PDB file of all heavy atoms in Angstrom:
ATOM      1  N   ASP A   1     107.330 113.468 103.813  1.00  0.00           N
ATOM      2  CA  ASP A   1     107.275 112.068 104.236  1.00  0.00           C
ATOM      3  C   ASP A   1     106.252 111.266 103.440  1.00  0.00           C
ATOM      4  O   ASP A   1     106.254 110.029 103.489  1.00  0.00           O
ATOM      5  CB  ASP A   1     106.935 111.986 105.734  1.00  0.00           C
ATOM      6  CG  ASP A   1     108.048 112.520 106.614  1.00  0.00           C
ATOM      7  OD1 ASP A   1     109.187 112.628 106.111  1.00  0.00           O
ATOM      8  OD2 ASP A   1     107.784 112.846 107.782  1.00  0.00           O
ATOM      9  N   THR A   2     105.376 111.953 102.731  1.00  0.00           N
ATOM     10  CA  THR A   2     104.355 111.259 101.925  1.00  0.00           C
ATOM     11  C   THR A   2     104.988 110.539 100.745  1.00  0.00           C
ATOM     12  O   THR A   2     104.571 109.433 100.370  1.00  0.00           O
ATOM     13  CB  THR A   2     103.315 112.278 101.410  1.00  0.00           C
ATOM     14  OG1 THR A   2     102.707 112.926 102.525  1.00  0.00           O
ATOM     15  CG2 THR A   2     102.246 111.595 100.562  1.00  0.00           C
ATOM     16  N   TYR A   3     106.029 111.142 100.158  1.00  0.00           N
ATOM     17  CA  TYR A   3     106.605 110.641  98.905  1.00  0.00           C
ATOM     18  C   TYR A   3     107.710 109.633  99.237  1.00  0.00           C
ATOM     19  O   TYR A   3     108.894 109.888  99.047  1.00  0.00           O
ATOM     20  CB  TYR A   3     107.116 111.807  98.067  1.00  0.00           C
ATOM     21  CG  TYR A   3     106.045 112.859  97.838  1.00  0.00           C
ATOM     22  CD1 TYR A   3     105.860 113.907  98.752  1.00  0.00           C
ATOM     23  CD2 TYR A   3     105.190 112.788  96.744  1.00  0.00           C
ATOM     24  CE1 TYR A   3     104.864 114.856  98.564  1.00  0.00           C
ATOM     25  CE2 TYR A   3     104.194 113.735  96.541  1.00  0.00           C
ATOM     26  CZ  TYR A   3     104.039 114.762  97.458  1.00  0.00           C
ATOM     27  OH  TYR A   3     103.046 115.700  97.265  1.00  0.00           O
ATOM     28  N   THR A   4     107.298 108.485  99.724  1.00  0.00           N
ATOM     29  CA  THR A   4     108.215 107.534 100.352  1.00  0.00           C
ATOM     30  C   THR A   4     109.201 106.880  99.392  1.00  0.00           C
ATOM     31  O   THR A   4     110.208 106.351  99.831  1.00  0.00           O
ATOM     32  CB  THR A   4     107.424 106.437 101.062  1.00  0.00           C
ATOM     33  OG1 THR A   4     106.485 105.867 100.126  1.00  0.00           O
ATOM     34  CG2 THR A   4     106.666 106.984 102.251  1.00  0.00           C
ATOM     35  N   LEU A   5     108.916 106.900  98.094  1.00  0.00           N
ATOM     36  CA  LEU A   5     109.829 106.273  97.137  1.00  0.00           C
ATOM     37  C   LEU A   5     110.397 107.285  96.146  1.00  0.00           C
ATOM     38  O   LEU A   5     110.879 106.908  95.081  1.00  0.00           O
ATOM     39  CB  LEU A   5     109.124 105.131  96.388  1.00  0.00           C
ATOM     40  CG  LEU A   5     108.757 103.915  97.242  1.00  0.00           C
ATOM     41  CD1 LEU A   5     108.074 102.851  96.412  1.00  0.00           C
ATOM     42  CD2 LEU A   5     109.989 103.331  97.927  1.00  0.00           C
ATOM     43  N   SER A   6     110.352 108.566  96.505  1.00  0.00           N
ATOM     44  CA  SER A   6     111.056 109.553  95.689  1.00  0.00           C
ATOM     45  C   SER A   6     112.550 109.330  95.843  1.00  0.00           C
ATOM     46  O   SER A   6     113.004 108.640  96.765  1.00  0.00           O
ATOM     47  CB  SER A   6     110.686 110.972  96.125  1.00  0.00           C
ATOM     48  OG  SER A   6     111.216 111.230  97.425  1.00  0.00           O
ATOM     49  N   ALA A   7     113.324 109.933  94.972  1.00  0.00           N
ATOM     50  CA  ALA A   7     114.781 109.759  95.042  1.00  0.00           C
ATOM     51  C   ALA A   7     115.322 110.249  96.384  1.00  0.00           C
ATOM     52  O   ALA A   7     116.185 109.610  96.990  1.00  0.00           O
ATOM     53  CB  ALA A   7     115.450 110.500  93.889  1.00  0.00           C
ATOM     54  N   ASP A   8     114.816 111.390  96.863  1.00  0.00           N
ATOM     55  CA  ASP A   8     115.289 111.924  98.147  1.00  0.00           C
ATOM     56  C   ASP A   8     114.940 110.990  99.300  1.00  0.00           C
ATOM     57  O   ASP A   8     115.748 110.777 100.209  1.00  0.00           O
ATOM     58  CB  ASP A   8     114.678 113.305  98.399  1.00  0.00           C
ATOM     59  CG  ASP A   8     115.292 114.386  97.520  1.00  0.00           C
ATOM     60  OD1 ASP A   8     116.367 114.133  96.946  1.00  0.00           O
ATOM     61  OD2 ASP A   8     114.693 115.471  97.409  1.00  0.00           O
ATOM     62  N   ALA A   9     113.712 110.432  99.268  1.00  0.00           N
ATOM     63  CA  ALA A   9     113.289 109.545 100.354  1.00  0.00           C
ATOM     64  C   ALA A   9     114.087 108.252 100.348  1.00  0.00           C
ATOM     65  O   ALA A   9     114.487 107.741 101.405  1.00  0.00           O
ATOM     66  CB  ALA A   9     111.794 109.247 100.226  1.00  0.00           C
ATOM     67  N   ARG A  10     114.341 107.709  99.174  1.00  0.00           N
ATOM     68  CA  ARG A  10     115.120 106.466  99.094  1.00  0.00           C
ATOM     69  C   ARG A  10     116.555 106.708  99.526  1.00  0.00           C
ATOM     70  O   ARG A  10     117.174 105.869 100.195  1.00  0.00           O
ATOM     71  CB  ARG A  10     115.065 105.901  97.670  1.00  0.00           C
ATOM     72  CG  ARG A  10     113.723 105.267  97.336  1.00  0.00           C
ATOM     73  CD  ARG A  10     113.691 104.643  95.940  1.00  0.00           C
ATOM     74  NE  ARG A  10     113.504 105.638  94.910  1.00  0.00           N
ATOM     75  CZ  ARG A  10     114.400 105.965  93.993  1.00  0.00           C
ATOM     76  NH1 ARG A  10     115.592 105.380  93.991  1.00  0.00           N
ATOM     77  NH2 ARG A  10     114.135 106.884  93.071  1.00  0.00           N
ATOM     78  N   LEU A  11     117.099 107.876  99.160  1.00  0.00           N
ATOM     79  CA  LEU A  11     118.461 108.209  99.583  1.00  0.00           C
ATOM     80  C   LEU A  11     118.532 108.348 101.097  1.00  0.00           C
ATOM     81  O   LEU A  11     119.436 107.794 101.738  1.00  0.00           O
ATOM     82  CB  LEU A  11     118.905 109.503  98.908  1.00  0.00           C
ATOM     83  CG  LEU A  11     120.268 110.060  99.339  1.00  0.00           C
ATOM     84  CD1 LEU A  11     121.373 109.053  99.041  1.00  0.00           C
ATOM     85  CD2 LEU A  11     120.553 111.391  98.661  1.00  0.00           C
ATOM     86  N   ALA A  12     117.589 109.084 101.687  1.00  0.00           N
ATOM     87  CA  ALA A  12     117.606 109.280 103.144  1.00  0.00           C
ATOM     88  C   ALA A  12     117.466 107.948 103.868  1.00  0.00           C
ATOM     89  O   ALA A  12     118.142 107.696 104.875  1.00  0.00           O
ATOM     90  CB  ALA A  12     116.479 110.228 103.544  1.00  0.00           C
ATOM     91  N   ASP A  13     116.597 107.079 103.358  1.00  0.00           N
ATOM     92  CA  ASP A  13     116.407 105.778 103.989  1.00  0.00           C
ATOM     93  C   ASP A  13     117.697 104.963 103.963  1.00  0.00           C
ATOM     94  O   ASP A  13     118.080 104.344 104.956  1.00  0.00           O
ATOM     95  CB  ASP A  13     115.290 105.016 103.271  1.00  0.00           C
ATOM     96  CG  ASP A  13     115.048 103.642 103.867  1.00  0.00           C
ATOM     97  OD1 ASP A  13     114.612 103.569 105.022  1.00  0.00           O
ATOM     98  OD2 ASP A  13     115.322 102.634 103.182  1.00  0.00           O
ATOM     99  N   ASN A  14     118.377 105.000 102.838  1.00  0.00           N
ATOM    100  CA  ASN A  14     119.615 104.230 102.714  1.00  0.00           C
ATOM    101  C   ASN A  14     120.734 104.842 103.544  1.00  0.00           C
ATOM    102  O   ASN A  14     121.470 104.140 104.240  1.00  0.00           O
ATOM    103  CB  ASN A  14     120.030 104.153 101.243  1.00  0.00           C
ATOM    104  CG  ASN A  14     121.135 103.149 101.005  1.00  0.00           C
ATOM    105  OD1 ASN A  14     121.273 102.176 101.750  1.00  0.00           O
ATOM    106  ND2 ASN A  14     121.932 103.378  99.989  1.00  0.00           N
ATOM    107  N   GLN A  15     120.870 106.162 103.516  1.00  0.00           N
ATOM    108  CA  GLN A  15     121.940 106.815 104.266  1.00  0.00           C
ATOM    109  C   GLN A  15     121.784 106.628 105.772  1.00  0.00           C
ATOM    110  O   GLN A  15     122.774 106.567 106.492  1.00  0.00           O
ATOM    111  CB  GLN A  15     121.960 108.311 103.938  1.00  0.00           C
ATOM    112  CG  GLN A  15     122.490 108.631 102.555  1.00  0.00           C
ATOM    113  CD  GLN A  15     122.550 110.129 102.308  1.00  0.00           C
ATOM    114  OE1 GLN A  15     121.758 110.895 102.852  1.00  0.00           O
ATOM    115  NE2 GLN A  15     123.492 110.562 101.490  1.00  0.00           N
ATOM    116  N   ASN A  16     120.548 106.530 106.244  1.00  0.00           N
ATOM    117  CA  ASN A  16     120.301 106.442 107.687  1.00  0.00           C
ATOM    118  C   ASN A  16     120.112 105.017 108.183  1.00  0.00           C
ATOM    119  O   ASN A  16     119.907 104.803 109.384  1.00  0.00           O
ATOM    120  CB  ASN A  16     119.064 107.270 108.052  1.00  0.00           C
ATOM    121  CG  ASN A  16     119.290 108.748 107.824  1.00  0.00           C
ATOM    122  OD1 ASN A  16     120.362 109.272 108.108  1.00  0.00           O
ATOM    123  ND2 ASN A  16     118.295 109.434 107.282  1.00  0.00           N
ATOM    124  N   ARG A  17     120.165 104.047 107.279  1.00  0.00           N
ATOM    125  CA  ARG A  17     119.994 102.655 107.697  1.00  0.00           C
ATOM    126  C   ARG A  17     121.184 102.231 108.554  1.00  0.00           C
ATOM    127  O   ARG A  17     122.334 102.349 108.151  1.00  0.00           O
ATOM    128  CB  ARG A  17     119.868 101.760 106.457  1.00  0.00           C
ATOM    129  CG  ARG A  17     119.595 100.302 106.782  1.00  0.00           C
ATOM    130  CD  ARG A  17     119.304  99.539 105.501  1.00  0.00           C
ATOM    131  NE  ARG A  17     118.079 100.013 104.887  1.00  0.00           N
ATOM    132  CZ  ARG A  17     117.723  99.751 103.632  1.00  0.00           C
ATOM    133  NH1 ARG A  17     118.536  99.059 102.867  1.00  0.00           N
ATOM    134  NH2 ARG A  17     116.584 100.186 103.153  1.00  0.00           N
ATOM    135  N   GLN A  18     120.906 101.732 109.736  1.00  0.00           N
ATOM    136  CA  GLN A  18     121.964 101.395 110.689  1.00  0.00           C
ATOM    137  C   GLN A  18     122.858 100.279 110.157  1.00  0.00           C
ATOM    138  O   GLN A  18     122.379  99.286 109.615  1.00  0.00           O
ATOM    139  CB  GLN A  18     121.348 100.964 112.020  1.00  0.00           C
ATOM    140  CG  GLN A  18     122.364 100.766 113.128  1.00  0.00           C
ATOM    141  CD  GLN A  18     123.078 102.063 113.503  1.00  0.00           C
ATOM    142  OE1 GLN A  18     122.444 103.099 113.664  1.00  0.00           O
ATOM    143  NE2 GLN A  18     124.391 102.015 113.627  1.00  0.00           N
ATOM    144  N   ARG A  19     124.170 100.463 110.275  1.00  0.00           N
ATOM    145  CA  ARG A  19     125.154  99.436 109.928  1.00  0.00           C
ATOM    146  C   ARG A  19     125.844  98.990 111.205  1.00  0.00           C
ATOM    147  O   ARG A  19     126.419  99.825 111.917  1.00  0.00           O
ATOM    148  CB  ARG A  19     126.205  99.958 108.944  1.00  0.00           C
ATOM    149  CG  ARG A  19     125.823  99.838 107.476  1.00  0.00           C
ATOM    150  CD  ARG A  19     124.917 100.931 106.982  1.00  0.00           C
ATOM    151  NE  ARG A  19     124.580 100.764 105.576  1.00  0.00           N
ATOM    152  CZ  ARG A  19     123.792 101.597 104.904  1.00  0.00           C
ATOM    153  NH1 ARG A  19     123.264 102.637 105.506  1.00  0.00           N
ATOM    154  NH2 ARG A  19     123.521 101.374 103.630  1.00  0.00           N
ATOM    155  N   ASP A  20     125.783  97.710 111.492  1.00  0.00           N
ATOM    156  CA  ASP A  20     126.337  97.188 112.742  1.00  0.00           C
ATOM    157  C   ASP A  20     127.815  97.522 112.881  1.00  0.00           C
ATOM    158  O   ASP A  20     128.599  97.353 111.936  1.00  0.00           O
ATOM    159  CB  ASP A  20     126.155  95.674 112.806  1.00  0.00           C
ATOM    160  CG  ASP A  20     124.693  95.280 112.981  1.00  0.00           C
ATOM    161  OD1 ASP A  20     123.896  96.149 113.380  1.00  0.00           O
ATOM    162  OD2 ASP A  20     124.360  94.102 112.710  1.00  0.00           O
ATOM    163  N   GLY A  21     128.183  98.003 114.071  1.00  0.00           N
ATOM    164  CA  GLY A  21     129.587  98.271 114.366  1.00  0.00           C
ATOM    165  C   GLY A  21     130.116  99.534 113.729  1.00  0.00           C
ATOM    166  O   GLY A  21     131.328  99.785 113.744  1.00  0.00           O
ATOM    167  N   ARG A  22     129.232 100.359 113.171  1.00  0.00           N
ATOM    168  CA  ARG A  22     129.685 101.577 112.504  1.00  0.00           C
ATOM    169  C   ARG A  22     128.900 102.785 113.020  1.00  0.00           C
ATOM    170  O   ARG A  22     127.780 102.650 113.492  1.00  0.00           O
ATOM    171  CB  ARG A  22     129.531 101.470 110.988  1.00  0.00           C
ATOM    172  CG  ARG A  22     130.460 100.438 110.349  1.00  0.00           C
ATOM    173  CD  ARG A  22     130.169 100.313 108.859  1.00  0.00           C
ATOM    174  NE  ARG A  22     131.005  99.306 108.216  1.00  0.00           N
ATOM    175  CZ  ARG A  22     132.142  99.561 107.593  1.00  0.00           C
ATOM    176  NH1 ARG A  22     132.585 100.803 107.526  1.00  0.00           N
ATOM    177  NH2 ARG A  22     132.837  98.595 107.031  1.00  0.00           N
ATOM    178  N   GLN A  23     129.528 103.942 112.905  1.00  0.00           N
ATOM    179  CA  GLN A  23     128.890 105.197 113.271  1.00  0.00           C
ATOM    180  C   GLN A  23     128.782 106.064 112.029  1.00  0.00           C
ATOM    181  O   GLN A  23     129.696 106.132 111.208  1.00  0.00           O
ATOM    182  CB  GLN A  23     129.705 105.934 114.333  1.00  0.00           C
ATOM    183  CG  GLN A  23     129.738 105.237 115.680  1.00  0.00           C
ATOM    184  CD  GLN A  23     128.414 105.360 116.420  1.00  0.00           C
ATOM    185  OE1 GLN A  23     127.628 106.257 116.138  1.00  0.00           O
ATOM    186  NE2 GLN A  23     128.180 104.464 117.364  1.00  0.00           N
ATOM    187  N   LYS A  24     127.656 106.751 111.892  1.00  0.00           N
ATOM    188  CA  LYS A  24     127.452 107.599 110.722  1.00  0.00           C
ATOM    189  C   LYS A  24     128.098 108.965 110.908  1.00  0.00           C
ATOM    190  O   LYS A  24     127.965 109.601 111.943  1.00  0.00           O
ATOM    191  CB  LYS A  24     125.950 107.774 110.452  1.00  0.00           C
ATOM    192  CG  LYS A  24     125.663 108.644 109.230  1.00  0.00           C
ATOM    193  CD  LYS A  24     124.179 108.928 109.105  1.00  0.00           C
ATOM    194  CE  LYS A  24     123.956 109.987 108.038  1.00  0.00           C
ATOM    195  NZ  LYS A  24     122.560 110.436 107.989  1.00  0.00           N
ATOM    196  N   VAL A  25     128.805 109.383 109.881  1.00  0.00           N
ATOM    197  CA  VAL A  25     129.354 110.731 109.801  1.00  0.00           C
ATOM    198  C   VAL A  25     128.882 111.319 108.484  1.00  0.00           C
ATOM    199  O   VAL A  25     128.846 110.630 107.470  1.00  0.00           O
ATOM    200  CB  VAL A  25     130.896 110.720 109.832  1.00  0.00           C
ATOM    201  CG1 VAL A  25     131.443 112.126 109.711  1.00  0.00           C
ATOM    202  CG2 VAL A  25     131.407 110.050 111.091  1.00  0.00           C
ATOM    203  N   THR A  26     128.488 112.579 108.481  1.00  0.00           N
ATOM    204  CA  THR A  26     128.079 113.248 107.247  1.00  0.00           C
ATOM    205  C   THR A  26     129.241 114.068 106.717  1.00  0.00           C
ATOM    206  O   THR A  26     129.788 114.915 107.429  1.00  0.00           O
ATOM    207  CB  THR A  26     126.860 114.146 107.482  1.00  0.00           C
ATOM    208  OG1 THR A  26     125.779 113.344 107.959  1.00  0.00           O
ATOM    209  CG2 THR A  26     126.437 114.819 106.181  1.00  0.00           C
ATOM    210  N   HIS A  27     129.604 113.787 105.490  1.00  0.00           N
ATOM    211  CA  HIS A  27     130.698 114.524 104.846  1.00  0.00           C
ATOM    212  C   HIS A  27     130.103 115.471 103.814  1.00  0.00           C
ATOM    213  O   HIS A  27     129.363 115.057 102.932  1.00  0.00           O
ATOM    214  CB  HIS A  27     131.663 113.554 104.154  1.00  0.00           C
ATOM    215  CG  HIS A  27     132.788 114.244 103.430  1.00  0.00           C
ATOM    216  ND1 HIS A  27     134.006 114.466 104.009  1.00  0.00           N
ATOM    217  CD2 HIS A  27     132.863 114.768 102.178  1.00  0.00           C
ATOM    218  CE1 HIS A  27     134.799 115.090 103.145  1.00  0.00           C
ATOM    219  NE2 HIS A  27     134.114 115.287 102.024  1.00  0.00           N
ATOM    220  N   ARG A  28     130.433 116.743 103.922  1.00  0.00           N
ATOM    221  CA  ARG A  28     129.985 117.740 102.956  1.00  0.00           C
ATOM    222  C   ARG A  28     131.056 117.879 101.873  1.00  0.00           C
ATOM    223  O   ARG A  28     132.209 118.216 102.156  1.00  0.00           O
ATOM    224  CB  ARG A  28     129.736 119.072 103.648  1.00  0.00           C
ATOM    225  CG  ARG A  28     129.040 120.113 102.811  1.00  0.00           C
ATOM    226  CD  ARG A  28     127.564 119.838 102.671  1.00  0.00           C
ATOM    227  NE  ARG A  28     126.879 119.886 103.950  1.00  0.00           N
ATOM    228  CZ  ARG A  28     126.351 120.995 104.468  1.00  0.00           C
ATOM    229  NH1 ARG A  28     126.450 122.137 103.832  1.00  0.00           N
ATOM    230  NH2 ARG A  28     125.733 120.952 105.629  1.00  0.00           N
ATOM    231  N   VAL A  29     130.687 117.614 100.649  1.00  0.00           N
ATOM    232  CA  VAL A  29     131.651 117.603  99.542  1.00  0.00           C
ATOM    233  C   VAL A  29     132.181 119.004  99.277  1.00  0.00           C
ATOM    234  O   VAL A  29     131.426 119.976  99.224  1.00  0.00           O
ATOM    235  CB  VAL A  29     130.982 117.045  98.259  1.00  0.00           C
ATOM    236  CG1 VAL A  29     131.935 117.147  97.068  1.00  0.00           C
ATOM    237  CG2 VAL A  29     130.550 115.597  98.478  1.00  0.00           C
ATOM    238  N   ARG A  30     133.501 119.097  99.131  1.00  0.00           N
ATOM    239  CA  ARG A  30     134.138 120.370  98.809  1.00  0.00           C
ATOM    240  C   ARG A  30     134.864 120.240  97.470  1.00  0.00           C
ATOM    241  O   ARG A  30     135.009 119.152  96.919  1.00  0.00           O
ATOM    242  CB  ARG A  30     135.108 120.782  99.908  1.00  0.00           C
ATOM    243  CG  ARG A  30     136.229 119.799 100.181  1.00  0.00           C
ATOM    244  CD  ARG A  30     137.120 120.312 101.313  1.00  0.00           C
ATOM    245  NE  ARG A  30     138.239 119.416 101.540  1.00  0.00           N
ATOM    246  CZ  ARG A  30     138.232 118.420 102.419  1.00  0.00           C
ATOM    247  NH1 ARG A  30     137.138 118.183 103.127  1.00  0.00           N
ATOM    248  NH2 ARG A  30     139.284 117.657 102.589  1.00  0.00           N
ATOM    249  N   SER A  31     135.316 121.351  96.967  1.00  0.00           N
ATOM    250  CA  SER A  31     135.977 121.381  95.665  1.00  0.00           C
ATOM    251  C   SER A  31     137.162 120.411  95.648  1.00  0.00           C
ATOM    252  O   SER A  31     137.974 120.401  96.572  1.00  0.00           O
ATOM    253  CB  SER A  31     136.459 122.804  95.363  1.00  0.00           C
ATOM    254  OG  SER A  31     137.122 122.849  94.121  1.00  0.00           O
ATOM    255  N   GLY A  32     137.257 119.603  94.611  1.00  0.00           N
ATOM    256  CA  GLY A  32     138.367 118.667  94.458  1.00  0.00           C
ATOM    257  C   GLY A  32     138.121 117.300  95.050  1.00  0.00           C
ATOM    258  O   GLY A  32     138.903 116.373  94.830  1.00  0.00           O
ATOM    259  N   ASP A  33     137.045 117.131  95.826  1.00  0.00           N
ATOM    260  CA  ASP A  33     136.750 115.833  96.443  1.00  0.00           C
ATOM    261  C   ASP A  33     136.413 114.789  95.377  1.00  0.00           C
ATOM    262  O   ASP A  33     135.776 115.089  94.363  1.00  0.00           O
ATOM    263  CB  ASP A  33     135.550 115.943  97.395  1.00  0.00           C
ATOM    264  CG  ASP A  33     135.966 116.288  98.811  1.00  0.00           C
ATOM    265  OD1 ASP A  33     137.170 116.284  99.095  1.00  0.00           O
ATOM    266  OD2 ASP A  33     135.073 116.569  99.636  1.00  0.00           O
ATOM    267  N   THR A  34     136.825 113.555  95.621  1.00  0.00           N
ATOM    268  CA  THR A  34     136.384 112.401  94.841  1.00  0.00           C
ATOM    269  C   THR A  34     135.959 111.317  95.831  1.00  0.00           C
ATOM    270  O   THR A  34     136.343 111.347  97.008  1.00  0.00           O
ATOM    271  CB  THR A  34     137.500 111.848  93.940  1.00  0.00           C
ATOM    272  OG1 THR A  34     138.545 111.296  94.777  1.00  0.00           O
ATOM    273  CG2 THR A  34     138.079 112.918  93.040  1.00  0.00           C
ATOM    274  N   LEU A  35     135.182 110.363  95.362  1.00  0.00           N
ATOM    275  CA  LEU A  35     134.789 109.257  96.241  1.00  0.00           C
ATOM    276  C   LEU A  35     136.018 108.519  96.752  1.00  0.00           C
ATOM    277  O   LEU A  35     136.054 108.074  97.899  1.00  0.00           O
ATOM    278  CB  LEU A  35     133.852 108.299  95.493  1.00  0.00           C
ATOM    279  CG  LEU A  35     132.407 108.776  95.301  1.00  0.00           C
ATOM    280  CD1 LEU A  35     131.646 107.794  94.428  1.00  0.00           C
ATOM    281  CD2 LEU A  35     131.699 108.949  96.636  1.00  0.00           C
ATOM    282  N   TRP A  36     137.011 108.386  95.900  1.00  0.00           N
ATOM    283  CA  TRP A  36     138.234 107.673  96.311  1.00  0.00           C
ATOM    284  C   TRP A  36     138.925 108.430  97.449  1.00  0.00           C
ATOM    285  O   TRP A  36     139.322 107.832  98.450  1.00  0.00           O
ATOM    286  CB  TRP A  36     139.171 107.524  95.125  1.00  0.00           C
ATOM    287  CG  TRP A  36     140.355 106.654  95.421  1.00  0.00           C
ATOM    288  CD1 TRP A  36     140.435 105.297  95.330  1.00  0.00           C
ATOM    289  CD2 TRP A  36     141.656 107.091  95.853  1.00  0.00           C
ATOM    290  NE1 TRP A  36     141.674 104.852  95.690  1.00  0.00           N
ATOM    291  CE2 TRP A  36     142.460 105.924  96.014  1.00  0.00           C
ATOM    292  CE3 TRP A  36     142.216 108.330  96.122  1.00  0.00           C
ATOM    293  CZ2 TRP A  36     143.781 105.985  96.429  1.00  0.00           C
ATOM    294  CZ3 TRP A  36     143.539 108.392  96.537  1.00  0.00           C
ATOM    295  CH2 TRP A  36     144.306 107.223  96.685  1.00  0.00           C
ATOM    296  N   ASP A  37     139.054 109.767  97.307  1.00  0.00           N
ATOM    297  CA  ASP A  37     139.698 110.564  98.357  1.00  0.00           C
ATOM    298  C   ASP A  37     138.929 110.466  99.671  1.00  0.00           C
ATOM    299  O   ASP A  37     139.512 110.305 100.747  1.00  0.00           O
ATOM    300  CB  ASP A  37     139.776 112.035  97.926  1.00  0.00           C
ATOM    301  CG  ASP A  37     140.737 112.247  96.768  1.00  0.00           C
ATOM    302  OD1 ASP A  37     141.693 111.464  96.648  1.00  0.00           O
ATOM    303  OD2 ASP A  37     140.511 113.181  95.979  1.00  0.00           O
ATOM    304  N   ILE A  38     137.614 110.574  99.576  1.00  0.00           N
ATOM    305  CA  ILE A  38     136.788 110.543 100.792  1.00  0.00           C
ATOM    306  C   ILE A  38     136.873 109.174 101.456  1.00  0.00           C
ATOM    307  O   ILE A  38     136.962 109.071 102.687  1.00  0.00           O
ATOM    308  CB  ILE A  38     135.329 110.904 100.440  1.00  0.00           C
ATOM    309  CG1 ILE A  38     135.259 112.341  99.911  1.00  0.00           C
ATOM    310  CG2 ILE A  38     134.419 110.747 101.666  1.00  0.00           C
ATOM    311  CD1 ILE A  38     133.931 112.699  99.270  1.00  0.00           C
ATOM    312  N   SER A  39     136.864 108.118 100.647  1.00  0.00           N
ATOM    313  CA  SER A  39     136.962 106.775 101.225  1.00  0.00           C
ATOM    314  C   SER A  39     138.282 106.591 101.954  1.00  0.00           C
ATOM    315  O   SER A  39     138.348 105.940 103.002  1.00  0.00           O
ATOM    316  CB  SER A  39     136.810 105.715 100.127  1.00  0.00           C
ATOM    317  OG  SER A  39     137.936 105.686  99.260  1.00  0.00           O
ATOM    318  N   ARG A  40     139.357 107.197 101.434  1.00  0.00           N
ATOM    319  CA  ARG A  40     140.654 107.114 102.104  1.00  0.00           C
ATOM    320  C   ARG A  40     140.626 107.898 103.419  1.00  0.00           C
ATOM    321  O   ARG A  40     141.221 107.468 104.416  1.00  0.00           O
ATOM    322  CB  ARG A  40     141.748 107.680 101.185  1.00  0.00           C
ATOM    323  CG  ARG A  40     142.048 106.823  99.972  1.00  0.00           C
ATOM    324  CD  ARG A  40     142.767 105.538 100.362  1.00  0.00           C
ATOM    325  NE  ARG A  40     144.070 105.802 100.958  1.00  0.00           N
ATOM    326  CZ  ARG A  40     145.200 105.934 100.254  1.00  0.00           C
ATOM    327  NH1 ARG A  40     145.175 105.814  98.941  1.00  0.00           N
ATOM    328  NH2 ARG A  40     146.349 106.179 100.872  1.00  0.00           N
ATOM    329  N   GLN A  41     139.957 109.037 103.442  1.00  0.00           N
ATOM    330  CA  GLN A  41     139.879 109.841 104.667  1.00  0.00           C
ATOM    331  C   GLN A  41     139.267 109.048 105.816  1.00  0.00           C
ATOM    332  O   GLN A  41     139.717 109.128 106.951  1.00  0.00           O
ATOM    333  CB  GLN A  41     139.024 111.094 104.428  1.00  0.00           C
ATOM    334  CG  GLN A  41     139.717 112.219 103.709  1.00  0.00           C
ATOM    335  CD  GLN A  41     138.821 113.441 103.637  1.00  0.00           C
ATOM    336  OE1 GLN A  41     137.947 113.620 104.478  1.00  0.00           O
ATOM    337  NE2 GLN A  41     139.037 114.273 102.632  1.00  0.00           N
ATOM    338  N   TYR A  42     138.223 108.293 105.490  1.00  0.00           N
ATOM    339  CA  TYR A  42     137.474 107.606 106.540  1.00  0.00           C
ATOM    340  C   TYR A  42     137.814 106.114 106.641  1.00  0.00           C
ATOM    341  O   TYR A  42     137.197 105.394 107.413  1.00  0.00           O
ATOM    342  CB  TYR A  42     135.971 107.761 106.289  1.00  0.00           C
ATOM    343  CG  TYR A  42     135.497 109.192 106.369  1.00  0.00           C
ATOM    344  CD1 TYR A  42     135.373 109.968 105.228  1.00  0.00           C
ATOM    345  CD2 TYR A  42     135.183 109.776 107.591  1.00  0.00           C
ATOM    346  CE1 TYR A  42     134.937 111.280 105.283  1.00  0.00           C
ATOM    347  CE2 TYR A  42     134.750 111.084 107.666  1.00  0.00           C
ATOM    348  CZ  TYR A  42     134.628 111.835 106.509  1.00  0.00           C
ATOM    349  OH  TYR A  42     134.192 113.137 106.578  1.00  0.00           O
ATOM    350  N   ASN A  43     138.771 105.685 105.817  1.00  0.00           N
ATOM    351  CA  ASN A  43     139.199 104.284 105.844  1.00  0.00           C
ATOM    352  C   ASN A  43     138.029 103.326 105.571  1.00  0.00           C
ATOM    353  O   ASN A  43     137.792 102.357 106.301  1.00  0.00           O
ATOM    354  CB  ASN A  43     139.852 103.943 107.193  1.00  0.00           C
ATOM    355  CG  ASN A  43     140.618 102.622 107.140  1.00  0.00           C
ATOM    356  OD1 ASN A  43     141.117 102.226 106.071  1.00  0.00           O
ATOM    357  ND2 ASN A  43     140.709 101.945 108.257  1.00  0.00           N
ATOM    358  N   VAL A  44     137.278 103.629 104.506  1.00  0.00           N
ATOM    359  CA  VAL A  44     136.194 102.748 104.060  1.00  0.00           C
ATOM    360  C   VAL A  44     136.416 102.455 102.583  1.00  0.00           C
ATOM    361  O   VAL A  44     137.235 103.097 101.910  1.00  0.00           O
ATOM    362  CB  VAL A  44     134.808 103.397 104.271  1.00  0.00           C
ATOM    363  CG1 VAL A  44     134.549 103.646 105.746  1.00  0.00           C
ATOM    364  CG2 VAL A  44     134.662 104.690 103.471  1.00  0.00           C
ATOM    365  N   GLY A  45     135.693 101.485 102.060  1.00  0.00           N
ATOM    366  CA  GLY A  45     135.829 101.138 100.649  1.00  0.00           C
ATOM    367  C   GLY A  45     135.069 102.096  99.747  1.00  0.00           C
ATOM    368  O   GLY A  45     134.031 102.645 100.131  1.00  0.00           O
ATOM    369  N   VAL A  46     135.577 102.285  98.537  1.00  0.00           N
ATOM    370  CA  VAL A  46     134.911 103.168  97.578  1.00  0.00           C
ATOM    371  C   VAL A  46     133.524 102.628  97.228  1.00  0.00           C
ATOM    372  O   VAL A  46     132.542 103.381  97.171  1.00  0.00           O
ATOM    373  CB  VAL A  46     135.758 103.334  96.293  1.00  0.00           C
ATOM    374  CG1 VAL A  46     135.002 104.149  95.254  1.00  0.00           C
ATOM    375  CG2 VAL A  46     137.083 104.011  96.612  1.00  0.00           C
TER     376      VAL A  46
END
């Protein structure tokens, strides 16, 4: 938690930032996944 602007800390902050009207789901990438495929799965924009 000390390294507040490291890449990992900035990523965690952005991933966990609340978005109104939305619920967070964590997707674990598997072989063959693309951002386009994942966006279609969850009905969100790429």
